[in-house]
Amino acid sequence: MDQTQTHELLAALGEQLAAQAVRFELVVIGGSALLALTVHFASRIDQIHFKLYAMVDQGAGKHEADLRALAPTTDELLEAARWTRTHDPSEGFREELVAALA
């Protein structure tokens, strides 16, 4: 398994566990451990940022459900909204962002 395949596998695992709201411990062994060296996890606030961006960019669905499950505060949503604008400063994105927050 190469580094790209390992990344894809771990990303798919993360999506499946997140969709089921499951907490888990992860042990990386064998060749994957040699490729990984370091495993990073997004913090709750990072996930709020990423989910808000994805929800506005790709549509509600799963991203909105994940964001709601994180139960962000108003301040956290505003912080995330400011961050999303650094990644897509277009007027169209801003309009979608305002509508999503409403």
Protein backbone atom coordinates (compact mmCIF):
# COMPACT_ATOMS: atom_id res chain seq x y z
CA MET A 1 0.00 0.00 0.00
CA ASP A 2 1.47 3.35 -0.97
CA GLN A 3 1.06 6.70 0.76
CA THR A 4 -1.86 7.80 -1.45
CA GLN A 5 -3.77 4.57 -0.85
CA THR A 6 -3.12 4.80 2.89
CA HIS A 7 -4.44 8.36 2.94
CA GLU A 8 -7.55 7.36 0.97
CA LEU A 9 -8.18 4.38 3.25
CA LEU A 10 -7.86 6.41 6.45
CA ALA A 11 -10.03 9.20 5.03
CA ALA A 12 -12.75 6.68 4.11
CA LEU A 13 -12.53 5.12 7.58
CA GLY A 14 -12.86 8.55 9.17
CA GLU A 15 -15.92 9.39 7.07
CA GLN A 16 -17.62 6.12 7.97
CA LEU A 17 -16.97 6.50 11.69
CA ALA A 18 -18.03 10.15 11.68
CA ALA A 19 -21.26 9.29 9.85
CA GLN A 20 -22.08 6.80 12.60
CA ALA A 21 -20.98 9.20 15.37
CA VAL A 22 -18.59 6.56 16.67
CA ARG A 23 -15.57 7.32 18.84
CA PHE A 24 -12.60 5.07 18.35
CA GLU A 25 -8.95 4.44 19.00
CA LEU A 26 -6.70 3.97 16.03
CA VAL A 27 -3.54 1.89 15.97
CA VAL A 28 -1.35 2.16 12.90
CA ILE A 29 0.98 -0.80 12.43
CA GLY A 30 2.99 -2.50 9.71
CA GLY A 31 3.86 -0.81 6.46
CA SER A 32 1.19 1.84 6.99
CA ALA A 33 2.89 2.93 10.18
CA LEU A 34 6.14 3.35 8.31
CA LEU A 35 4.40 5.54 5.73
CA ALA A 36 2.38 7.54 8.27
CA LEU A 37 5.10 8.45 10.93
CA THR A 38 2.66 11.12 12.21
CA VAL A 39 -1.19 10.96 12.38
CA HIS A 40 -3.05 14.24 12.86
CA PHE A 41 -6.66 14.66 13.87
CA ALA A 42 -8.75 17.73 13.27
CA SER A 43 -9.98 19.37 16.44
CA ARG A 44 -13.67 20.02 17.03
CA ILE A 45 -13.29 23.67 16.01
CA ASP A 46 -11.36 22.64 12.88
CA GLN A 47 -14.18 20.26 11.97
CA ILE A 48 -16.70 23.07 12.40
CA HIS A 49 -14.66 25.20 9.98
CA PHE A 50 -14.32 22.39 7.42
CA LYS A 51 -17.97 21.31 7.65
CA LEU A 52 -19.30 24.86 7.23
CA TYR A 53 -17.08 25.37 4.20
CA ALA A 54 -18.13 22.04 2.67
CA MET A 55 -21.81 22.67 3.40
CA VAL A 56 -21.74 26.01 1.60
CA ASP A 57 -19.52 24.79 -1.23
CA GLN A 58 -21.13 21.38 -1.86
CA GLY A 59 -24.62 21.67 -0.43
CA ALA A 60 -26.21 20.77 2.90
CA GLY A 61 -26.89 17.03 3.18
CA LYS A 62 -24.22 15.13 5.10
CA HIS A 63 -22.16 18.24 5.84
CA GLU A 64 -25.08 20.02 7.46
CA ALA A 65 -25.91 16.94 9.54
CA ASP A 66 -22.28 16.66 10.66
CA LEU A 67 -22.15 20.36 11.49
CA ARG A 68 -25.35 20.15 13.53
CA ALA A 69 -23.96 17.13 15.39
CA LEU A 70 -20.97 19.25 16.41
CA ALA A 71 -23.44 21.76 17.95
CA PRO A 72 -21.34 24.87 17.29
CA THR A 73 -21.96 28.04 19.24
CA THR A 74 -22.78 31.28 17.45
CA ASP A 75 -19.24 32.51 18.06
CA GLU A 76 -17.77 29.29 16.63
CA LEU A 77 -19.93 29.60 13.51
CA LEU A 78 -18.91 33.22 13.01
CA GLU A 79 -15.23 32.29 13.40
CA ALA A 80 -15.69 29.47 10.90
CA ALA A 81 -17.55 31.78 8.51
CA ARG A 82 -14.66 34.26 8.57
CA TRP A 83 -12.24 31.41 7.85
CA THR A 84 -14.30 30.12 4.91
CA ARG A 85 -14.13 33.55 3.29
CA THR A 86 -10.33 33.31 3.20
CA HIS A 87 -10.74 30.22 1.00
CA ASP A 88 -13.47 31.51 -1.27
CA PRO A 89 -13.83 35.29 -1.31
CA SER A 90 -16.31 35.26 -4.22
CA GLU A 91 -19.60 37.10 -3.94
CA GLY A 92 -21.53 33.94 -4.82
CA PHE A 93 -19.94 32.03 -1.94
CA ARG A 94 -20.67 34.92 0.44
CA GLU A 95 -24.34 34.86 -0.54
CA GLU A 96 -24.54 31.08 -0.01
CA LEU A 97 -22.73 31.44 3.32
CA VAL A 98 -25.16 34.08 4.57
CA ALA A 99 -28.10 31.90 3.52
CA ALA A 100 -26.61 28.84 5.23
CA LEU A 101 -26.04 30.72 8.48
CA ALA A 102 -29.58 32.10 8.41
